[in-house]
Amino acid sequence: MLDVAAGIAGGNWPDTDWTTLAEGACRAALSETPYARLIDASFCCEISIRLTDDSEVQTLNAQYRGKDKPTNVLSFPMVQPDLLESLSNSDDGEVLLGDIVLADGVVAREAEERGITIADHTTHLIIHGLLHLVGYDHEHDAEAEAMEEMERRVLASLGIANPYAGEA
């Protein structure tokens, strides 16, 4: 069973049902991957979504990625990609898939630049972060295109417009 916990830890996030939004985004994204079985697994598969401020994300980005600036979303996988296929129950019945952390200021600025709602942009970034948790990446052009195509399909299934439209 998929368990998504979302909470505001800092920043100025708008009044939205972030838990429902995050759960919908994670379920939709996971269903597009080879790991869709985790949605209804017999054990609890946990994902934590932390909505915070730019300062906290900048600290995490500097500490874990060596980039001393805030970014929109960070993902912290807790399961190695090569173990996802065989993932099963743990001793306590729970498996932490990973954490996704978002920065309010960066997300708000990007949403405004794109002319979209913060909720829609956050949904996209949670989907993006979830794909990182299950081993997808965008370091190379082919990987980036595959990941973006998956994001477009998931967003379309949720009624959200293509975030990459208009990009060259």
C-alpha atoms as a PDB file:
ATOM      1  CA  MET A   1       0.000   0.000   0.000  1.00  0.00           C
ATOM      2  CA  LEU A   2       1.289   3.421  -0.921  1.00  0.00           C
ATOM      3  CA  ASP A   3       1.395   5.932   1.938  1.00  0.00           C
ATOM      4  CA  VAL A   4       2.184   9.533   1.013  1.00  0.00           C
ATOM      5  CA  ALA A   5       2.763  12.017   3.813  1.00  0.00           C
ATOM      6  CA  ALA A   6       2.901  15.685   2.855  1.00  0.00           C
ATOM      7  CA  GLY A   7       3.435  18.575   5.186  1.00  0.00           C
ATOM      8  CA  ILE A   8       4.434  22.194   5.308  1.00  0.00           C
ATOM      9  CA  ALA A   9       7.662  22.649   7.244  1.00  0.00           C
ATOM     10  CA  GLY A  10       8.301  26.268   6.306  1.00  0.00           C
ATOM     11  CA  GLY A  11       7.759  28.952   3.737  1.00  0.00           C
ATOM     12  CA  ASN A  12       4.605  30.555   2.391  1.00  0.00           C
ATOM     13  CA  TRP A  13       2.697  27.742   0.724  1.00  0.00           C
ATOM     14  CA  PRO A  14      -0.868  28.562  -0.333  1.00  0.00           C
ATOM     15  CA  ASP A  15      -3.801  26.992   1.469  1.00  0.00           C
ATOM     16  CA  THR A  16      -4.256  23.727  -0.451  1.00  0.00           C
ATOM     17  CA  ASP A  17      -4.913  20.111   0.467  1.00  0.00           C
ATOM     18  CA  TRP A  18      -1.276  19.185  -0.134  1.00  0.00           C
ATOM     19  CA  THR A  19      -1.685  15.616   1.121  1.00  0.00           C
ATOM     20  CA  THR A  20      -4.386  14.836  -1.448  1.00  0.00           C
ATOM     21  CA  LEU A  21      -2.445  16.620  -4.205  1.00  0.00           C
ATOM     22  CA  ALA A  22       0.793  14.785  -3.323  1.00  0.00           C
ATOM     23  CA  GLU A  23      -0.893  11.395  -3.056  1.00  0.00           C
ATOM     24  CA  GLY A  24      -2.591  11.839  -6.433  1.00  0.00           C
ATOM     25  CA  ALA A  25       0.662  12.923  -8.076  1.00  0.00           C
ATOM     26  CA  CYS A  26       2.638  10.021  -6.586  1.00  0.00           C
ATOM     27  CA  ARG A  27       0.014   7.409  -7.483  1.00  0.00           C
ATOM     28  CA  ALA A  28      -0.285   8.702 -11.043  1.00  0.00           C
ATOM     29  CA  ALA A  29       3.487   8.826 -11.509  1.00  0.00           C
ATOM     30  CA  LEU A  30       4.132   5.429  -9.972  1.00  0.00           C
ATOM     31  CA  SER A  31       1.434   3.875 -12.159  1.00  0.00           C
ATOM     32  CA  GLU A  32       3.461   4.887 -15.259  1.00  0.00           C
ATOM     33  CA  THR A  33       6.568   3.063 -14.052  1.00  0.00           C
ATOM     34  CA  PRO A  34       7.475  -0.626 -13.855  1.00  0.00           C
ATOM     35  CA  TYR A  35       6.925  -0.288 -10.086  1.00  0.00           C
ATOM     36  CA  ALA A  36       3.168   0.344 -10.187  1.00  0.00           C
ATOM     37  CA  ARG A  37       2.687  -2.748  -7.998  1.00  0.00           C
ATOM     38  CA  LEU A  38       3.958  -0.690  -5.040  1.00  0.00           C
ATOM     39  CA  ILE A  39       0.695   1.278  -5.046  1.00  0.00           C
ATOM     40  CA  ASP A  40      -1.217  -1.769  -3.787  1.00  0.00           C
ATOM     41  CA  ALA A  41       1.629  -3.758  -2.260  1.00  0.00           C
ATOM     42  CA  SER A  42       0.908  -5.894   0.786  1.00  0.00           C
ATOM     43  CA  PHE A  43       3.399  -3.805   2.754  1.00  0.00           C
ATOM     44  CA  CYS A  44       3.425  -0.067   3.368  1.00  0.00           C
ATOM     45  CA  CYS A  45       5.533   1.857   0.859  1.00  0.00           C
ATOM     46  CA  GLU A  46       6.085   5.359   2.217  1.00  0.00           C
ATOM     47  CA  ILE A  47       6.933   8.612   0.454  1.00  0.00           C
ATOM     48  CA  SER A  48       7.478  11.814   2.389  1.00  0.00           C
ATOM     49  CA  ILE A  49       6.814  15.208   0.780  1.00  0.00           C
ATOM     50  CA  ARG A  50       8.288  18.201   2.623  1.00  0.00           C
ATOM     51  CA  LEU A  51       7.107  21.651   1.577  1.00  0.00           C
ATOM     52  CA  THR A  52       9.543  24.180   2.959  1.00  0.00           C
ATOM     53  CA  ASP A  53      11.329  27.433   2.226  1.00  0.00           C
ATOM     54  CA  ASP A  54      14.160  28.315  -0.135  1.00  0.00           C
ATOM     55  CA  SER A  55      16.666  28.582   2.715  1.00  0.00           C
ATOM     56  CA  GLU A  56      16.199  24.980   3.858  1.00  0.00           C
ATOM     57  CA  VAL A  57      16.351  23.680   0.292  1.00  0.00           C
ATOM     58  CA  GLN A  58      19.495  25.731  -0.347  1.00  0.00           C
ATOM     59  CA  THR A  59      21.113  24.159   2.718  1.00  0.00           C
ATOM     60  CA  LEU A  60      20.148  20.654   1.564  1.00  0.00           C
ATOM     61  CA  ASN A  61      21.256  21.369  -2.004  1.00  0.00           C
ATOM     62  CA  ALA A  62      24.647  22.587  -0.764  1.00  0.00           C
ATOM     63  CA  GLN A  63      25.061  19.679   1.637  1.00  0.00           C
ATOM     64  CA  TYR A  64      24.030  16.852  -0.695  1.00  0.00           C
ATOM     65  CA  ARG A  65      24.693  18.169  -4.196  1.00  0.00           C
ATOM     66  CA  GLY A  66      27.436  20.749  -3.640  1.00  0.00           C
ATOM     67  CA  LYS A  67      25.257  23.518  -5.132  1.00  0.00           C
ATOM     68  CA  ASP A  68      24.853  26.455  -2.763  1.00  0.00           C
ATOM     69  CA  LYS A  69      21.557  27.764  -4.129  1.00  0.00           C
ATOM     70  CA  PRO A  70      17.913  26.898  -3.742  1.00  0.00           C
ATOM     71  CA  THR A  71      16.305  24.663  -6.336  1.00  0.00           C
ATOM     72  CA  ASN A  72      12.676  23.777  -6.938  1.00  0.00           C
ATOM     73  CA  VAL A  73      12.736  20.115  -5.878  1.00  0.00           C
ATOM     74  CA  LEU A  74      15.164  17.648  -4.328  1.00  0.00           C
ATOM     75  CA  SER A  75      14.683  13.891  -4.150  1.00  0.00           C
ATOM     76  CA  PHE A  76      16.302  11.590  -1.633  1.00  0.00           C
ATOM     77  CA  PRO A  77      15.806   7.935  -2.618  1.00  0.00           C
ATOM     78  CA  MET A  78      16.025   5.426   0.219  1.00  0.00           C
ATOM     79  CA  VAL A  79      15.992   2.323  -1.980  1.00  0.00           C
ATOM     80  CA  GLN A  80      18.669   1.614  -4.564  1.00  0.00           C
ATOM     81  CA  PRO A  81      17.180   1.413  -8.070  1.00  0.00           C
ATOM     82  CA  ASP A  82      18.491  -2.130  -8.596  1.00  0.00           C
ATOM     83  CA  LEU A  83      16.536  -3.281  -5.522  1.00  0.00           C
ATOM     84  CA  LEU A  84      13.172  -1.789  -6.504  1.00  0.00           C
ATOM     85  CA  GLU A  85      12.087  -4.784  -8.576  1.00  0.00           C
ATOM     86  CA  SER A  86      12.512  -7.183  -5.669  1.00  0.00           C
ATOM     87  CA  LEU A  87      11.275  -4.773  -2.998  1.00  0.00           C
ATOM     88  CA  SER A  88       9.136  -6.568  -0.454  1.00  0.00           C
ATOM     89  CA  ASN A  89       8.027  -6.335   3.125  1.00  0.00           C
ATOM     90  CA  SER A  90      10.503  -5.158   5.721  1.00  0.00           C
ATOM     91  CA  ASP A  91      10.680  -6.345   9.309  1.00  0.00           C
ATOM     92  CA  ASP A  92       8.255  -3.667  10.488  1.00  0.00           C
ATOM     93  CA  GLY A  93       5.944  -3.814   7.458  1.00  0.00           C
ATOM     94  CA  GLU A  94       7.083  -0.469   6.069  1.00  0.00           C
ATOM     95  CA  VAL A  95       9.501   0.558   3.349  1.00  0.00           C
ATOM     96  CA  LEU A  96      10.528   4.187   2.987  1.00  0.00           C
ATOM     97  CA  LEU A  97      10.845   4.800  -0.748  1.00  0.00           C
ATOM     98  CA  GLY A  98      12.244   8.281  -0.155  1.00  0.00           C
ATOM     99  CA  ASP A  99      11.768  11.965   0.500  1.00  0.00           C
ATOM    100  CA  ILE A 100      10.854  14.805  -1.844  1.00  0.00           C
ATOM    101  CA  VAL A 101      11.559  18.369  -0.706  1.00  0.00           C
ATOM    102  CA  LEU A 102      10.227  21.497  -2.424  1.00  0.00           C
ATOM    103  CA  ALA A 103      11.159  25.183  -2.013  1.00  0.00           C
ATOM    104  CA  ASP A 104       8.260  27.638  -1.825  1.00  0.00           C
ATOM    105  CA  GLY A 105       9.961  30.682  -3.336  1.00  0.00           C
ATOM    106  CA  VAL A 106      11.476  28.880  -6.304  1.00  0.00           C
ATOM    107  CA  VAL A 107       8.229  27.031  -6.997  1.00  0.00           C
ATOM    108  CA  ALA A 108       6.166  30.233  -6.777  1.00  0.00           C
ATOM    109  CA  ARG A 109       8.535  32.172  -9.087  1.00  0.00           C
ATOM    110  CA  GLU A 110       8.589  29.383 -11.661  1.00  0.00           C
ATOM    111  CA  ALA A 111       4.801  29.034 -11.575  1.00  0.00           C
ATOM    112  CA  GLU A 112       4.382  32.765 -12.101  1.00  0.00           C
ATOM    113  CA  GLU A 113       6.910  32.777 -14.985  1.00  0.00           C
ATOM    114  CA  ARG A 114       5.009  29.919 -16.648  1.00  0.00           C
ATOM    115  CA  GLY A 115       1.586  31.401 -15.975  1.00  0.00           C
ATOM    116  CA  ILE A 116       0.380  28.335 -14.083  1.00  0.00           C
ATOM    117  CA  THR A 117      -0.878  27.714 -10.586  1.00  0.00           C
ATOM    118  CA  ILE A 118       1.456  26.824  -7.760  1.00  0.00           C
ATOM    119  CA  ALA A 119      -0.598  23.652  -7.231  1.00  0.00           C
ATOM    120  CA  ASP A 120      -0.112  22.514 -10.849  1.00  0.00           C
ATOM    121  CA  HIS A 121       3.597  23.288 -10.768  1.00  0.00           C
ATOM    122  CA  THR A 122       3.990  21.517  -7.427  1.00  0.00           C
ATOM    123  CA  THR A 123       2.160  18.493  -8.852  1.00  0.00           C
ATOM    124  CA  HIS A 124       4.626  18.408 -11.743  1.00  0.00           C
ATOM    125  CA  LEU A 125       7.607  18.690  -9.392  1.00  0.00           C
ATOM    126  CA  ILE A 126       6.293  15.916  -7.125  1.00  0.00           C
ATOM    127  CA  ILE A 127       5.913  13.687 -10.196  1.00  0.00           C
ATOM    128  CA  HIS A 128       9.446  14.620 -11.251  1.00  0.00           C
ATOM    129  CA  GLY A 129      10.737  13.892  -7.743  1.00  0.00           C
ATOM    130  CA  LEU A 130       8.920  10.540  -7.570  1.00  0.00           C
ATOM    131  CA  LEU A 131      10.485   9.470 -10.854  1.00  0.00           C
ATOM    132  CA  HIS A 132      13.890  10.214  -9.342  1.00  0.00           C
ATOM    133  CA  LEU A 133      12.974   8.075  -6.314  1.00  0.00           C
ATOM    134  CA  VAL A 134      12.431   5.084  -8.600  1.00  0.00           C
ATOM    135  CA  GLY A 135      15.640   5.531 -10.574  1.00  0.00           C
ATOM    136  CA  TYR A 136      14.805   7.861 -13.457  1.00  0.00           C
ATOM    137  CA  ASP A 137      17.263  10.624 -14.274  1.00  0.00           C
ATOM    138  CA  HIS A 138      17.903  13.345 -16.832  1.00  0.00           C
ATOM    139  CA  GLU A 139      21.687  13.577 -16.991  1.00  0.00           C
ATOM    140  CA  HIS A 140      21.772  12.659 -20.688  1.00  0.00           C
ATOM    141  CA  ASP A 141      19.509  13.804 -23.519  1.00  0.00           C
ATOM    142  CA  ALA A 142      17.889  10.401 -24.074  1.00  0.00           C
ATOM    143  CA  GLU A 143      17.171   9.992 -20.346  1.00  0.00           C
ATOM    144  CA  ALA A 144      15.798  13.532 -20.138  1.00  0.00           C
ATOM    145  CA  GLU A 145      13.443  13.009 -23.082  1.00  0.00           C
ATOM    146  CA  ALA A 146      12.181   9.698 -21.673  1.00  0.00           C
ATOM    147  CA  MET A 147      11.594  11.236 -18.256  1.00  0.00           C
ATOM    148  CA  GLU A 148       9.882  14.313 -19.715  1.00  0.00           C
ATOM    149  CA  GLU A 149       7.623  12.136 -21.871  1.00  0.00           C
ATOM    150  CA  MET A 150       6.616  10.149 -18.793  1.00  0.00           C
ATOM    151  CA  GLU A 151       5.931  13.399 -16.913  1.00  0.00           C
ATOM    152  CA  ARG A 152       3.764  14.659 -19.800  1.00  0.00           C
ATOM    153  CA  ARG A 153       1.679  11.453 -19.765  1.00  0.00           C
ATOM    154  CA  VAL A 154       1.200  11.566 -16.001  1.00  0.00           C
ATOM    155  CA  LEU A 155       0.282  15.249 -16.017  1.00  0.00           C
ATOM    156  CA  ALA A 156      -2.179  14.718 -18.879  1.00  0.00           C
ATOM    157  CA  SER A 157      -3.825  11.936 -16.867  1.00  0.00           C
ATOM    158  CA  LEU A 158      -4.351  14.497 -14.101  1.00  0.00           C
ATOM    159  CA  GLY A 159      -5.669  17.158 -16.495  1.00  0.00           C
ATOM    160  CA  ILE A 160      -2.566  19.338 -16.286  1.00  0.00           C
ATOM    161  CA  ALA A 161      -1.081  20.914 -19.413  1.00  0.00           C
ATOM    162  CA  ASN A 162       2.281  19.940 -20.875  1.00  0.00           C
ATOM    163  CA  PRO A 163       4.906  21.924 -18.934  1.00  0.00           C
ATOM    164  CA  TYR A 164       7.414  21.512 -21.771  1.00  0.00           C
ATOM    165  CA  ALA A 165       5.201  22.983 -24.514  1.00  0.00           C
ATOM    166  CA  GLY A 166       6.958  25.857 -26.208  1.00  0.00           C
ATOM    167  CA  GLU A 167      10.444  24.695 -25.240  1.00  0.00           C
ATOM    168  CA  ALA A 168      12.830  24.251 -28.133  1.00  0.00           C
END
